[in-house]
N, C-alpha and C. Protein backbone atom coordinates (compact mmCIF):
# COMPACT_ATOMS: atom_id res chain seq x y z
N UNK A 1 0.82 -1.20 0.00
CA UNK A 1 0.00 0.00 0.00
C UNK A 1 0.86 1.26 0.00
N UNK A 2 2.14 1.10 -0.21
CA UNK A 2 3.00 2.26 -0.34
C UNK A 2 3.45 2.89 0.97
N UNK A 3 3.32 2.21 2.08
CA UNK A 3 3.76 2.76 3.37
C UNK A 3 5.28 2.79 3.39
N UNK A 4 5.83 3.98 3.69
CA UNK A 4 7.28 4.16 3.70
C UNK A 4 7.82 4.50 5.08
N UNK A 5 6.93 4.80 6.00
CA UNK A 5 7.31 5.24 7.35
C UNK A 5 7.60 4.03 8.23
N UNK A 6 8.86 3.86 8.60
CA UNK A 6 9.26 2.72 9.44
C UNK A 6 8.69 2.82 10.85
N UNK A 7 8.12 3.96 11.20
CA UNK A 7 7.47 4.11 12.51
C UNK A 7 5.99 3.76 12.45
N UNK A 8 5.54 3.29 11.31
CA UNK A 8 4.13 2.94 11.13
C UNK A 8 4.03 1.50 10.61
N UNK A 9 4.62 0.60 11.35
CA UNK A 9 4.71 -0.79 10.90
C UNK A 9 3.35 -1.48 10.85
N UNK A 10 2.43 -1.12 11.73
CA UNK A 10 1.10 -1.71 11.70
C UNK A 10 0.41 -1.45 10.37
N UNK A 11 0.51 -0.22 9.88
CA UNK A 11 -0.09 0.13 8.59
C UNK A 11 0.62 -0.59 7.46
N UNK A 12 1.91 -0.78 7.58
CA UNK A 12 2.68 -1.47 6.54
C UNK A 12 2.33 -2.96 6.48
N UNK A 13 2.08 -3.59 7.64
CA UNK A 13 1.85 -5.03 7.68
C UNK A 13 0.38 -5.43 7.58
N UNK A 14 -0.54 -4.52 7.83
CA UNK A 14 -1.96 -4.85 7.78
C UNK A 14 -2.40 -5.41 6.43
N UNK A 15 -1.94 -4.87 5.30
CA UNK A 15 -2.35 -5.45 4.01
C UNK A 15 -1.90 -6.90 3.82
N UNK A 16 -0.73 -7.25 4.33
CA UNK A 16 -0.28 -8.65 4.23
C UNK A 16 -1.15 -9.55 5.09
N UNK A 17 -1.50 -9.08 6.27
CA UNK A 17 -2.40 -9.85 7.14
C UNK A 17 -3.76 -10.03 6.46
N UNK A 18 -4.25 -8.97 5.84
CA UNK A 18 -5.53 -9.05 5.13
C UNK A 18 -5.46 -10.08 4.01
N UNK A 19 -4.42 -10.02 3.20
CA UNK A 19 -4.29 -10.95 2.08
C UNK A 19 -4.26 -12.39 2.57
N UNK A 20 -3.52 -12.64 3.63
CA UNK A 20 -3.44 -13.99 4.19
C UNK A 20 -4.80 -14.45 4.72
N UNK A 21 -5.49 -13.57 5.43
CA UNK A 21 -6.83 -13.92 5.94
C UNK A 21 -7.81 -14.21 4.82
N UNK A 22 -7.86 -13.33 3.83
CA UNK A 22 -8.81 -13.51 2.73
C UNK A 22 -8.51 -14.81 1.98
N UNK A 23 -7.24 -15.07 1.70
CA UNK A 23 -6.88 -16.31 1.00
C UNK A 23 -7.25 -17.54 1.83
N UNK A 24 -7.03 -17.45 3.15
CA UNK A 24 -7.37 -18.57 4.03
C UNK A 24 -8.88 -18.83 4.00
N UNK A 25 -9.67 -17.80 4.14
CA UNK A 25 -11.12 -17.96 4.14
C UNK A 25 -11.61 -18.50 2.80
N UNK A 26 -11.06 -17.99 1.72
CA UNK A 26 -11.48 -18.47 0.39
C UNK A 26 -11.02 -19.91 0.15
N UNK A 27 -9.79 -20.23 0.52
CA UNK A 27 -9.27 -21.59 0.30
C UNK A 27 -10.01 -22.64 1.12
N UNK A 28 -10.37 -22.30 2.35
CA UNK A 28 -11.00 -23.27 3.24
C UNK A 28 -12.51 -23.22 3.22
N UNK A 29 -13.07 -22.15 2.70
CA UNK A 29 -14.52 -21.98 2.72
C UNK A 29 -15.03 -21.57 4.10
N UNK A 30 -14.13 -21.23 4.99
CA UNK A 30 -14.52 -20.81 6.34
C UNK A 30 -14.79 -19.31 6.38
N UNK A 31 -15.48 -18.91 7.42
CA UNK A 31 -15.72 -17.48 7.66
C UNK A 31 -15.01 -17.11 8.96
N UNK A 32 -14.89 -15.83 9.26
CA UNK A 32 -14.28 -15.44 10.53
C UNK A 32 -14.99 -16.04 11.73
N UNK A 33 -16.30 -16.27 11.64
CA UNK A 33 -17.06 -16.82 12.75
C UNK A 33 -16.74 -18.28 13.04
N UNK A 34 -16.05 -18.94 12.14
CA UNK A 34 -15.64 -20.32 12.36
C UNK A 34 -14.70 -20.42 13.57
N UNK A 35 -13.92 -19.38 13.79
CA UNK A 35 -12.90 -19.38 14.83
C UNK A 35 -13.39 -18.73 16.12
N UNK A 36 -12.93 -19.28 17.23
CA UNK A 36 -13.18 -18.66 18.53
C UNK A 36 -12.35 -17.38 18.65
N UNK A 37 -11.24 -17.34 17.97
CA UNK A 37 -10.40 -16.16 17.99
C UNK A 37 -9.46 -16.12 16.80
N UNK A 38 -9.27 -14.91 16.28
CA UNK A 38 -8.29 -14.64 15.22
C UNK A 38 -7.31 -13.65 15.82
N UNK A 39 -6.03 -13.96 15.74
CA UNK A 39 -5.01 -13.14 16.40
C UNK A 39 -3.89 -12.82 15.42
N UNK A 40 -3.53 -11.55 15.34
CA UNK A 40 -2.37 -11.14 14.55
C UNK A 40 -1.26 -10.73 15.51
N UNK A 41 -0.08 -10.67 14.99
CA UNK A 41 1.03 -10.17 15.80
C UNK A 41 2.16 -9.71 14.91
N UNK A 42 2.42 -8.55 14.94
CA UNK A 42 1.96 -7.48 15.80
C UNK A 42 1.61 -6.26 14.94
N UNK A 43 0.36 -5.92 14.92
CA UNK A 43 -0.08 -4.75 14.17
C UNK A 43 -0.30 -3.54 15.08
N UNK A 44 -0.45 -3.76 16.36
CA UNK A 44 -0.72 -2.67 17.28
C UNK A 44 -2.12 -2.10 17.05
N UNK A 45 -2.45 -1.05 17.77
CA UNK A 45 -3.77 -0.45 17.68
C UNK A 45 -4.05 0.12 16.30
N UNK A 46 -3.07 0.77 15.70
CA UNK A 46 -3.25 1.40 14.40
C UNK A 46 -3.48 0.34 13.33
N UNK A 47 -2.60 -0.64 13.27
CA UNK A 47 -2.72 -1.70 12.28
C UNK A 47 -3.96 -2.54 12.48
N UNK A 48 -4.34 -2.76 13.73
CA UNK A 48 -5.55 -3.53 14.04
C UNK A 48 -6.77 -2.85 13.44
N UNK A 49 -6.88 -1.55 13.64
CA UNK A 49 -8.01 -0.80 13.11
C UNK A 49 -8.01 -0.82 11.57
N UNK A 50 -6.83 -0.68 10.98
CA UNK A 50 -6.73 -0.70 9.52
C UNK A 50 -7.15 -2.07 8.99
N UNK A 51 -6.68 -3.15 9.64
CA UNK A 51 -7.04 -4.50 9.19
C UNK A 51 -8.55 -4.72 9.26
N UNK A 52 -9.18 -4.28 10.34
CA UNK A 52 -10.64 -4.45 10.46
C UNK A 52 -11.36 -3.71 9.33
N UNK A 53 -10.93 -2.50 9.02
CA UNK A 53 -11.56 -1.72 7.96
C UNK A 53 -11.35 -2.38 6.59
N UNK A 54 -10.12 -2.83 6.33
CA UNK A 54 -9.82 -3.47 5.05
C UNK A 54 -10.59 -4.78 4.89
N UNK A 55 -10.70 -5.54 5.97
CA UNK A 55 -11.42 -6.82 5.92
C UNK A 55 -12.90 -6.58 5.60
N UNK A 56 -13.49 -5.56 6.21
CA UNK A 56 -14.90 -5.24 5.92
C UNK A 56 -15.09 -4.90 4.45
N UNK A 57 -14.14 -4.16 3.88
CA UNK A 57 -14.23 -3.81 2.46
C UNK A 57 -14.16 -5.05 1.57
N UNK A 58 -13.51 -6.09 2.05
CA UNK A 58 -13.42 -7.35 1.30
C UNK A 58 -14.57 -8.30 1.62
N UNK A 59 -15.46 -7.87 2.51
CA UNK A 59 -16.64 -8.67 2.83
C UNK A 59 -16.47 -9.60 4.02
N UNK A 60 -15.46 -9.38 4.83
CA UNK A 60 -15.21 -10.22 6.01
C UNK A 60 -15.24 -9.37 7.26
N UNK A 61 -16.21 -9.62 8.13
CA UNK A 61 -16.30 -8.90 9.40
C UNK A 61 -15.58 -9.73 10.46
N UNK A 62 -14.39 -9.26 10.86
CA UNK A 62 -13.58 -9.98 11.85
C UNK A 62 -13.69 -9.36 13.24
N UNK A 63 -14.45 -8.29 13.37
CA UNK A 63 -14.48 -7.51 14.61
C UNK A 63 -14.81 -8.32 15.87
N UNK A 64 -15.71 -9.27 15.79
CA UNK A 64 -16.15 -9.96 17.00
C UNK A 64 -15.14 -11.00 17.51
N UNK A 65 -14.29 -11.51 16.64
CA UNK A 65 -13.38 -12.59 17.07
C UNK A 65 -11.91 -12.20 16.97
N UNK A 66 -11.61 -10.98 16.57
CA UNK A 66 -10.23 -10.59 16.27
C UNK A 66 -9.58 -9.76 17.37
N UNK A 67 -8.30 -10.03 17.58
CA UNK A 67 -7.48 -9.19 18.45
C UNK A 67 -6.03 -9.26 17.96
N UNK A 68 -5.24 -8.33 18.39
CA UNK A 68 -3.83 -8.28 18.01
C UNK A 68 -2.97 -8.56 19.24
N UNK A 69 -1.98 -9.40 19.08
CA UNK A 69 -1.13 -9.80 20.21
C UNK A 69 -0.39 -8.62 20.83
N UNK A 70 0.06 -7.67 20.03
CA UNK A 70 0.73 -6.48 20.57
C UNK A 70 -0.20 -5.64 21.41
N UNK A 71 -1.46 -5.61 21.03
CA UNK A 71 -2.48 -4.88 21.79
C UNK A 71 -2.78 -5.62 23.10
N UNK A 72 -2.78 -6.95 23.03
CA UNK A 72 -3.12 -7.77 24.21
C UNK A 72 -2.06 -7.70 25.30
N UNK A 73 -0.81 -7.50 24.93
CA UNK A 73 0.29 -7.51 25.91
C UNK A 73 0.30 -6.26 26.79
N UNK A 74 0.05 -5.12 26.18
CA UNK A 74 0.22 -3.86 26.89
C UNK A 74 -1.10 -3.11 27.08
N UNK A 75 -1.17 -2.33 28.15
CA UNK A 75 -2.29 -1.42 28.39
C UNK A 75 -1.85 -0.04 27.92
N UNK A 76 -2.42 0.39 26.84
CA UNK A 76 -2.04 1.64 26.18
C UNK A 76 -2.08 2.84 27.13
N UNK A 77 -3.09 2.90 27.96
CA UNK A 77 -3.26 4.06 28.83
C UNK A 77 -2.30 4.05 30.02
N UNK A 78 -2.25 2.95 30.75
CA UNK A 78 -1.44 2.94 31.97
C UNK A 78 0.05 2.76 31.69
N UNK A 79 0.41 2.19 30.54
CA UNK A 79 1.82 1.95 30.25
C UNK A 79 2.38 2.90 29.18
N UNK A 80 1.57 3.79 28.66
CA UNK A 80 2.00 4.78 27.67
C UNK A 80 2.73 4.12 26.49
N UNK A 81 2.10 3.09 25.94
CA UNK A 81 2.73 2.38 24.82
C UNK A 81 2.25 2.87 23.46
N UNK A 82 1.39 3.83 23.43
CA UNK A 82 0.88 4.43 22.19
C UNK A 82 0.15 3.39 21.33
N UNK A 83 0.84 2.71 20.43
CA UNK A 83 0.15 1.81 19.50
C UNK A 83 0.12 0.37 19.98
N UNK A 84 0.77 0.03 21.06
CA UNK A 84 0.77 -1.34 21.55
C UNK A 84 2.16 -1.94 21.52
N UNK A 85 2.23 -3.24 21.51
CA UNK A 85 3.51 -3.93 21.51
C UNK A 85 4.20 -3.83 20.17
N UNK A 86 5.45 -4.21 20.15
CA UNK A 86 6.21 -4.11 18.92
C UNK A 86 7.17 -5.29 18.82
N UNK A 87 7.34 -5.77 17.62
CA UNK A 87 8.35 -6.79 17.39
C UNK A 87 7.78 -8.18 17.22
N UNK A 88 8.65 -9.05 16.76
CA UNK A 88 8.22 -10.40 16.42
C UNK A 88 7.85 -11.24 17.64
N UNK A 89 8.23 -10.83 18.80
CA UNK A 89 7.98 -11.65 19.99
C UNK A 89 6.54 -11.57 20.48
N UNK A 90 5.78 -10.57 20.07
CA UNK A 90 4.40 -10.43 20.57
C UNK A 90 3.55 -11.64 20.23
N UNK A 91 3.57 -12.06 18.99
CA UNK A 91 2.75 -13.19 18.56
C UNK A 91 3.19 -14.46 19.28
N UNK A 92 4.48 -14.70 19.35
CA UNK A 92 5.00 -15.90 20.01
C UNK A 92 4.71 -15.88 21.50
N UNK A 93 4.88 -14.74 22.14
CA UNK A 93 4.64 -14.64 23.58
C UNK A 93 3.19 -14.88 23.94
N UNK A 94 2.29 -14.23 23.20
CA UNK A 94 0.87 -14.38 23.50
C UNK A 94 0.41 -15.81 23.20
N UNK A 95 0.90 -16.38 22.10
CA UNK A 95 0.48 -17.76 21.80
C UNK A 95 1.02 -18.74 22.83
N UNK A 96 2.33 -18.69 23.09
CA UNK A 96 2.93 -19.71 23.96
C UNK A 96 2.53 -19.57 25.41
N UNK A 97 2.02 -18.42 25.78
CA UNK A 97 1.55 -18.22 27.14
C UNK A 97 0.03 -18.27 27.21
N UNK A 98 -0.58 -17.16 26.94
CA UNK A 98 -2.02 -16.99 27.12
C UNK A 98 -2.86 -17.92 26.23
N UNK A 99 -2.64 -17.87 24.93
CA UNK A 99 -3.50 -18.65 24.02
C UNK A 99 -3.33 -20.16 24.21
N UNK A 100 -2.11 -20.61 24.41
CA UNK A 100 -1.88 -22.04 24.62
C UNK A 100 -2.64 -22.52 25.86
N UNK A 101 -2.60 -21.73 26.92
CA UNK A 101 -3.35 -22.08 28.13
C UNK A 101 -4.86 -22.08 27.88
N UNK A 102 -5.35 -21.14 27.10
CA UNK A 102 -6.78 -21.10 26.76
C UNK A 102 -7.18 -22.35 25.97
N UNK A 103 -6.30 -22.81 25.09
CA UNK A 103 -6.56 -24.04 24.34
C UNK A 103 -6.53 -25.26 25.26
N UNK A 104 -5.56 -25.33 26.13
CA UNK A 104 -5.46 -26.47 27.06
C UNK A 104 -6.68 -26.54 27.97
N UNK A 105 -7.18 -25.39 28.40
CA UNK A 105 -8.36 -25.35 29.27
C UNK A 105 -9.66 -25.45 28.47
N UNK A 106 -9.55 -25.56 27.17
CA UNK A 106 -10.70 -25.67 26.25
C UNK A 106 -11.62 -24.44 26.31
N UNK A 107 -11.06 -23.31 26.70
CA UNK A 107 -11.82 -22.06 26.64
C UNK A 107 -11.85 -21.56 25.20
N UNK A 108 -10.82 -21.91 24.45
CA UNK A 108 -10.76 -21.69 23.01
C UNK A 108 -10.56 -23.05 22.37
N UNK A 109 -11.24 -23.31 21.27
CA UNK A 109 -11.10 -24.61 20.60
C UNK A 109 -10.57 -24.47 19.18
N UNK A 110 -10.79 -23.30 18.57
CA UNK A 110 -10.33 -23.06 17.21
C UNK A 110 -9.80 -21.64 17.12
N UNK A 111 -8.52 -21.51 16.81
CA UNK A 111 -7.94 -20.18 16.65
C UNK A 111 -7.19 -20.10 15.32
N UNK A 112 -7.08 -18.90 14.83
CA UNK A 112 -6.28 -18.62 13.65
C UNK A 112 -5.24 -17.60 14.08
N UNK A 113 -4.00 -18.00 14.02
CA UNK A 113 -2.88 -17.16 14.43
C UNK A 113 -2.17 -16.66 13.18
N UNK A 114 -2.08 -15.35 13.02
CA UNK A 114 -1.49 -14.75 11.83
C UNK A 114 -0.28 -13.92 12.25
N UNK A 115 0.90 -14.48 12.01
CA UNK A 115 2.14 -13.76 12.34
C UNK A 115 2.48 -12.83 11.18
N UNK A 116 2.82 -11.59 11.51
CA UNK A 116 3.13 -10.59 10.49
C UNK A 116 4.58 -10.15 10.61
N UNK A 117 5.12 -9.66 9.52
CA UNK A 117 6.49 -9.16 9.54
C UNK A 117 6.76 -8.20 8.40
N UNK A 118 7.80 -7.44 8.55
CA UNK A 118 8.23 -6.50 7.53
C UNK A 118 9.56 -6.97 6.95
N UNK A 119 9.68 -6.83 5.66
CA UNK A 119 10.88 -7.27 4.96
C UNK A 119 11.66 -6.04 4.48
N UNK A 120 12.34 -5.42 5.41
CA UNK A 120 13.02 -4.17 5.07
C UNK A 120 14.39 -4.13 5.73
N UNK A 121 15.16 -3.16 5.33
CA UNK A 121 16.45 -2.91 5.97
C UNK A 121 16.67 -1.40 6.02
N UNK A 122 17.72 -0.98 6.65
CA UNK A 122 17.95 0.46 6.83
C UNK A 122 18.18 1.16 5.49
N UNK A 123 18.78 0.49 4.55
CA UNK A 123 19.04 1.11 3.25
C UNK A 123 17.74 1.38 2.49
N UNK A 124 16.83 0.43 2.49
CA UNK A 124 15.57 0.64 1.76
C UNK A 124 14.77 1.80 2.36
N UNK A 125 14.80 1.93 3.68
CA UNK A 125 14.11 3.04 4.34
C UNK A 125 14.76 4.37 3.97
N UNK A 126 16.09 4.40 3.97
CA UNK A 126 16.80 5.64 3.62
C UNK A 126 16.56 6.04 2.17
N UNK A 127 16.31 5.06 1.32
CA UNK A 127 16.07 5.35 -0.09
C UNK A 127 14.61 5.68 -0.37
N UNK A 128 13.77 5.67 0.66
CA UNK A 128 12.37 6.03 0.50
C UNK A 128 11.51 4.94 -0.12
N UNK A 129 11.98 3.71 -0.05
CA UNK A 129 11.23 2.59 -0.60
C UNK A 129 10.04 2.25 0.31
N UNK A 130 8.99 1.72 -0.28
CA UNK A 130 7.87 1.26 0.54
C UNK A 130 8.28 -0.02 1.27
N UNK A 131 7.57 -0.31 2.34
CA UNK A 131 7.93 -1.44 3.21
C UNK A 131 7.15 -2.68 2.78
N UNK A 132 7.84 -3.68 2.22
CA UNK A 132 7.13 -4.92 1.89
C UNK A 132 6.87 -5.70 3.18
N UNK A 133 5.76 -6.40 3.22
CA UNK A 133 5.43 -7.15 4.43
C UNK A 133 4.93 -8.54 4.08
N UNK A 134 4.83 -9.36 5.10
CA UNK A 134 4.48 -10.76 4.93
C UNK A 134 3.63 -11.21 6.11
N UNK A 135 2.81 -12.22 5.89
CA UNK A 135 2.01 -12.80 6.97
C UNK A 135 1.81 -14.28 6.71
N UNK A 136 1.84 -15.05 7.77
CA UNK A 136 1.62 -16.49 7.71
C UNK A 136 0.51 -16.84 8.69
N UNK A 137 -0.39 -17.71 8.27
CA UNK A 137 -1.51 -18.12 9.14
C UNK A 137 -1.33 -19.57 9.58
N UNK A 138 -1.68 -19.81 10.84
CA UNK A 138 -1.69 -21.15 11.39
C UNK A 138 -3.05 -21.36 12.02
N UNK A 139 -3.76 -22.36 11.54
CA UNK A 139 -5.06 -22.71 12.11
C UNK A 139 -4.84 -23.81 13.13
N UNK A 140 -5.27 -23.57 14.37
CA UNK A 140 -5.07 -24.53 15.45
C UNK A 140 -6.44 -24.90 16.01
N UNK A 141 -6.71 -26.22 16.04
CA UNK A 141 -7.99 -26.69 16.54
C UNK A 141 -7.76 -27.85 17.51
N UNK A 142 -8.58 -27.89 18.55
CA UNK A 142 -8.50 -29.01 19.49
C UNK A 142 -9.84 -29.72 19.53
């Protein structure tokens, strides 16, 4: 989507998360309601909002079952984190701790975990290149 600002990674990665979600739903014939929870990591508050808006435009309402791991880790108001968590560890931390326990306790039975990332380096940012991004989905069911 042409995002060039390295300080706006949620906006840069949201389109990749959207593409992965849409392809998953189309390939499997599932809808967002199939899952007890859909989780991305890490888009933060800004990217989360963008993903929800983009998904609606594509005909998928993810609002009721979706959350972002970076948002889940931090309290924006009390910890002054602005957009939420940052970095590749948010998705892994939330899954291996909180979500895994929810699955073991059968509070969640079907989740879709979408890890996001940016494929950039300092040179591409200095040259004003847009930030390419990637997302991978893992469907986990018990």
